[in-house]
Amino acid sequence: MRVLGADHPDTLHSRHGLALAFEATGQVAEAITLHEQNLTDRQRLLGPEHPDTLTSRDKLAQLRDLRLNDQ
């Protein structure tokens, strides 16, 4: 069995998938929390202009907008 660290790209990708699953089940607050963590980690590890970082930033903005519109 191979164990990956918290900073491994596969771990970040899995966290992104979990956030999408939370969103799909209506757990927007939990999804936002995971996307915030992912964005912070991806900015630190990959840089602010990396496509994965931009994906995290975009998805977080979409969810925040969704939450604002639902209030």
C-alpha atoms as a PDB file:
ATOM      1  CA  MET A   1       0.000   0.000   0.000  1.00  0.00           C
ATOM      2  CA  ARG A   2       1.261   3.448  -0.907  1.00  0.00           C
ATOM      3  CA  VAL A   3       0.549   6.399   1.372  1.00  0.00           C
ATOM      4  CA  LEU A   4       0.552   9.888  -0.089  1.00  0.00           C
ATOM      5  CA  GLY A   5       1.134  13.025   1.936  1.00  0.00           C
ATOM      6  CA  ALA A   6      -1.219  15.948   2.378  1.00  0.00           C
ATOM      7  CA  ASP A   7       0.716  17.954  -0.210  1.00  0.00           C
ATOM      8  CA  HIS A   8       0.754  15.276  -2.908  1.00  0.00           C
ATOM      9  CA  PRO A   9      -1.074  16.298  -6.119  1.00  0.00           C
ATOM     10  CA  ASP A  10      -3.214  13.144  -5.981  1.00  0.00           C
ATOM     11  CA  THR A  11      -4.328  14.064  -2.458  1.00  0.00           C
ATOM     12  CA  LEU A  12      -5.301  17.535  -3.636  1.00  0.00           C
ATOM     13  CA  HIS A  13      -7.187  16.027  -6.555  1.00  0.00           C
ATOM     14  CA  SER A  14      -9.043  13.674  -4.215  1.00  0.00           C
ATOM     15  CA  ARG A  15      -9.968  16.554  -1.916  1.00  0.00           C
ATOM     16  CA  HIS A  16     -11.330  18.399  -4.938  1.00  0.00           C
ATOM     17  CA  GLY A  17     -13.464  15.365  -5.802  1.00  0.00           C
ATOM     18  CA  LEU A  18     -14.762  15.146  -2.240  1.00  0.00           C
ATOM     19  CA  ALA A  19     -15.706  18.834  -2.365  1.00  0.00           C
ATOM     20  CA  LEU A  20     -17.641  18.188  -5.576  1.00  0.00           C
ATOM     21  CA  ALA A  21     -19.453  15.295  -3.876  1.00  0.00           C
ATOM     22  CA  PHE A  22     -20.404  17.540  -0.957  1.00  0.00           C
ATOM     23  CA  GLU A  23     -21.714  20.115  -3.421  1.00  0.00           C
ATOM     24  CA  ALA A  24     -23.745  17.499  -5.297  1.00  0.00           C
ATOM     25  CA  THR A  25     -25.443  16.446  -2.069  1.00  0.00           C
ATOM     26  CA  GLY A  26     -26.297  20.017  -1.106  1.00  0.00           C
ATOM     27  CA  GLN A  27     -23.587  20.367   1.533  1.00  0.00           C
ATOM     28  CA  VAL A  28     -22.332  23.671   0.176  1.00  0.00           C
ATOM     29  CA  ALA A  29     -20.644  24.883   3.379  1.00  0.00           C
ATOM     30  CA  GLU A  30     -18.538  21.723   3.551  1.00  0.00           C
ATOM     31  CA  ALA A  31     -17.696  22.004  -0.145  1.00  0.00           C
ATOM     32  CA  ILE A  32     -16.594  25.600   0.309  1.00  0.00           C
ATOM     33  CA  THR A  33     -14.340  24.633   3.216  1.00  0.00           C
ATOM     34  CA  LEU A  34     -12.603  21.951   1.156  1.00  0.00           C
ATOM     35  CA  HIS A  35     -12.219  24.240  -1.862  1.00  0.00           C
ATOM     36  CA  GLU A  36     -10.712  26.925   0.393  1.00  0.00           C
ATOM     37  CA  GLN A  37      -8.191  24.410   1.730  1.00  0.00           C
ATOM     38  CA  ASN A  38      -7.399  23.213  -1.771  1.00  0.00           C
ATOM     39  CA  LEU A  39      -6.943  26.721  -3.096  1.00  0.00           C
ATOM     40  CA  THR A  40      -4.536  27.601  -0.281  1.00  0.00           C
ATOM     41  CA  ASP A  41      -2.519  24.433  -0.788  1.00  0.00           C
ATOM     42  CA  ARG A  42      -2.474  24.652  -4.571  1.00  0.00           C
ATOM     43  CA  GLN A  43      -1.343  28.285  -4.489  1.00  0.00           C
ATOM     44  CA  ARG A  44       1.489  27.332  -2.143  1.00  0.00           C
ATOM     45  CA  LEU A  45       2.540  24.183  -3.999  1.00  0.00           C
ATOM     46  CA  LEU A  46       1.750  24.919  -7.634  1.00  0.00           C
ATOM     47  CA  GLY A  47       1.684  28.712  -7.830  1.00  0.00           C
ATOM     48  CA  PRO A  48      -1.134  31.162  -8.460  1.00  0.00           C
ATOM     49  CA  GLU A  49      -1.307  30.666 -12.232  1.00  0.00           C
ATOM     50  CA  HIS A  50      -1.273  26.865 -12.392  1.00  0.00           C
ATOM     51  CA  PRO A  51      -4.402  25.444 -14.098  1.00  0.00           C
ATOM     52  CA  ASP A  52      -5.338  23.418 -10.993  1.00  0.00           C
ATOM     53  CA  THR A  53      -5.054  26.518  -8.811  1.00  0.00           C
ATOM     54  CA  LEU A  54      -7.251  28.448 -11.227  1.00  0.00           C
ATOM     55  CA  THR A  55      -9.799  25.609 -11.207  1.00  0.00           C
ATOM     56  CA  SER A  56      -9.942  25.755  -7.401  1.00  0.00           C
ATOM     57  CA  ARG A  57     -10.339  29.522  -7.438  1.00  0.00           C
ATOM     58  CA  ASP A  58     -13.120  29.327 -10.029  1.00  0.00           C
ATOM     59  CA  LYS A  59     -15.041  26.591  -8.231  1.00  0.00           C
ATOM     60  CA  LEU A  60     -14.786  28.418  -4.906  1.00  0.00           C
ATOM     61  CA  ALA A  61     -16.118  31.607  -6.502  1.00  0.00           C
ATOM     62  CA  GLN A  62     -19.021  29.683  -8.044  1.00  0.00           C
ATOM     63  CA  LEU A  63     -20.006  28.171  -4.709  1.00  0.00           C
ATOM     64  CA  ARG A  64     -19.745  31.449  -2.844  1.00  0.00           C
ATOM     65  CA  ASP A  65     -21.954  33.037  -5.483  1.00  0.00           C
ATOM     66  CA  LEU A  66     -24.431  30.167  -5.193  1.00  0.00           C
ATOM     67  CA  ARG A  67     -24.563  30.569  -1.426  1.00  0.00           C
ATOM     68  CA  LEU A  68     -25.143  34.318  -1.736  1.00  0.00           C
ATOM     69  CA  ASN A  69     -27.951  33.822  -4.246  1.00  0.00           C
ATOM     70  CA  ASP A  70     -29.643  31.234  -2.020  1.00  0.00           C
ATOM     71  CA  GLN A  71     -29.892  33.622   0.930  1.00  0.00           C
END
